[in-house]
Structures are given as structure tokens and as C-alpha cells.
């Protein structure tokens, strides 16, 4: 398998930036992995925070431990700063993933061509 395909698959299925590390492009890999990690941390921490809030409401008796009531609370959208932060973090995560896949494939193609004897 060519370097370009391995790098793209690593970025797609392992973590954004993994393909760049494979291609020895450490700075780009660090930037992509760092931005993806920070945005993933924000998304997961806000999701866990929301789940704990719902759990506390159930414990206090404000909400019945009924699947319909819990589903309604989960699907209720966040407002204000939390919603904006989640939207930005999600966008950064998706962009990091796409840039990681596309750019690692592009850099891998360049390295694949330079590895061919006589080119």
C-alpha cells in the first residue's frame, strides 16, 4: 500500500494528524492532533456535564426516571455560550479531520512520487 493511502487512512480512522506523523510531518501533525484533541475534549466535557445535570434532576425528583422524560431533556437544545462553544468545537473537529485526511493524502502522494526511481 502506498504512503499516501496509509497516511489518509491513519488520519481518518486513528486520529487527525496521525497520517502526518507517519509521513514525518510532525509540526502539521501536532497542530491537527492538538486542535482535534482540544475540540473533542470540549465536546465530551460539555456532554458529560449535561448528562450529570440530567442525572441530578432525576435524583432530586424533578424528573421522573422515565425514558420519554429523559429523552425530552437530552434533546432540548442548549442556549447561549454553551451552544456556541459546542458548535465551534464540533466544526473545528470536523475541519481537523477533513484537513488531516486530505492533506496527508496530498503529502503522501508527493512522497510516493519522490520514492519512485528515475523521477
Protein backbone atom coordinates (compact mmCIF):
# COMPACT_ATOMS: atom_id res chain seq x y z
CA UNK A 1 0.00 0.00 0.00
CA UNK A 2 1.29 3.45 -0.89
CA UNK A 3 2.28 6.00 1.73
CA UNK A 4 -0.46 8.36 0.62
CA UNK A 5 -3.21 5.82 1.25
CA UNK A 6 -1.74 4.70 4.60
CA UNK A 7 -1.46 8.30 5.76
CA UNK A 8 -5.02 9.14 4.73
CA UNK A 9 -6.38 6.03 6.45
CA UNK A 10 -4.43 6.79 9.63
CA UNK A 11 -5.83 10.32 9.69
CA UNK A 12 -9.34 9.06 9.02
CA UNK A 13 -9.52 6.10 11.38
CA UNK A 14 -6.95 6.71 14.13
CA UNK A 15 -6.89 10.47 14.81
CA UNK A 16 -6.42 13.66 12.79
CA UNK A 17 -2.69 14.23 12.40
CA UNK A 18 -1.71 10.55 12.65
CA UNK A 19 -1.08 10.41 8.91
CA UNK A 20 1.23 13.40 9.13
CA UNK A 21 3.24 11.75 11.91
CA UNK A 22 3.54 8.67 9.69
CA UNK A 23 4.87 10.92 6.90
CA UNK A 24 7.34 12.60 9.30
CA UNK A 25 5.49 15.94 9.14
CA UNK A 26 5.48 16.42 12.90
CA UNK A 27 4.56 20.11 13.10
CA UNK A 28 1.46 19.72 10.93
CA UNK A 29 0.53 16.53 12.75
CA UNK A 30 0.87 18.25 16.12
CA UNK A 31 -1.30 21.19 15.05
CA UNK A 32 -4.03 18.91 13.67
CA UNK A 33 -3.94 16.49 16.59
CA UNK A 34 -3.88 19.32 19.13
CA UNK A 35 -6.82 21.16 17.63
CA UNK A 36 -8.79 17.92 17.29
CA UNK A 37 -7.96 16.89 20.85
CA UNK A 38 -8.98 20.23 22.35
CA UNK A 39 -12.24 20.34 20.42
CA UNK A 40 -13.01 16.70 21.25
CA UNK A 41 -12.31 17.42 24.92
CA UNK A 42 -14.74 20.36 24.86
CA UNK A 43 -17.49 18.34 23.18
CA UNK A 44 -17.11 15.38 25.55
CA UNK A 45 -16.84 17.52 28.69
CA UNK A 46 -19.96 19.53 27.82
CA UNK A 47 -21.84 16.32 27.02
CA UNK A 48 -20.85 14.73 30.33
CA UNK A 49 -21.74 17.95 32.15
CA UNK A 50 -25.20 17.89 30.55
CA UNK A 51 -25.67 14.21 31.44
CA UNK A 52 -24.73 14.91 35.07
CA UNK A 53 -27.24 17.77 35.21
CA UNK A 54 -29.99 15.45 34.00
CA UNK A 55 -28.88 12.79 36.49
CA UNK A 56 -29.06 15.31 39.35
CA UNK A 57 -32.59 16.32 38.30
CA UNK A 58 -33.61 12.67 38.41
CA UNK A 59 -32.03 12.23 41.86
CA UNK A 60 -33.78 15.32 43.24
CA UNK A 61 -37.10 14.05 41.91
CA UNK A 62 -37.61 16.95 39.46
CA UNK A 63 -37.76 14.48 36.58
CA UNK A 64 -39.25 11.00 36.62
CA UNK A 65 -36.86 8.21 35.64
CA UNK A 66 -38.91 7.66 32.50
CA UNK A 67 -37.35 7.21 29.08
CA UNK A 68 -39.67 9.78 27.48
CA UNK A 69 -38.84 12.46 30.07
CA UNK A 70 -35.11 11.79 29.86
CA UNK A 71 -35.22 11.82 26.05
CA UNK A 72 -37.01 15.16 26.12
CA UNK A 73 -34.31 16.62 28.39
CA UNK A 74 -31.50 15.22 26.25
CA UNK A 75 -32.94 16.57 23.01
CA UNK A 76 -33.61 20.03 24.46
CA UNK A 77 -31.04 22.29 22.83
CA UNK A 78 -28.51 24.27 24.78
CA UNK A 79 -28.64 28.02 24.57
CA UNK A 80 -26.15 30.85 24.88
CA UNK A 81 -22.44 30.43 25.23
CA UNK A 82 -22.51 26.64 25.65
CA UNK A 83 -24.31 26.18 22.34
CA UNK A 84 -21.86 28.44 20.52
CA UNK A 85 -18.88 26.71 22.11
CA UNK A 86 -20.21 23.28 21.15
CA UNK A 87 -20.87 24.40 17.58
CA UNK A 88 -17.39 25.87 17.21
CA UNK A 89 -15.72 22.83 18.80
CA UNK A 90 -17.69 20.48 16.55
CA UNK A 91 -16.76 22.49 13.46
CA UNK A 92 -13.07 22.53 14.44
CA UNK A 93 -13.14 18.77 14.98
CA UNK A 94 -14.72 18.11 11.58
CA UNK A 95 -12.37 20.52 9.81
CA UNK A 96 -9.33 18.96 11.53
CA UNK A 97 -10.47 15.53 10.40
CA UNK A 98 -11.04 16.59 6.78
CA UNK A 99 -7.83 18.61 6.54
CA UNK A 100 -5.90 15.74 8.11
CA UNK A 101 -7.22 13.23 5.59
CA UNK A 102 -6.88 15.40 2.51
CA UNK A 103 -3.51 16.94 3.34
CA UNK A 104 -1.90 13.68 4.49
CA UNK A 105 -3.00 12.09 1.22
CA UNK A 106 -1.59 15.06 -0.73
CA UNK A 107 1.75 15.00 1.13
CA UNK A 108 1.89 11.21 0.81
CA UNK A 109 1.40 11.45 -2.97
CA UNK A 110 4.36 13.84 -3.19
CA UNK A 111 6.49 11.44 -1.15
CA UNK A 112 5.28 8.49 -3.23
CA UNK A 113 6.41 10.24 -6.43
CA UNK A 114 9.81 11.11 -4.95
CA UNK A 115 10.32 7.46 -3.90
CA UNK A 116 9.97 6.22 -7.49
CA UNK A 117 13.42 5.62 -9.00
CA UNK A 118 14.14 7.75 -12.03
CA UNK A 119 11.68 10.52 -11.25
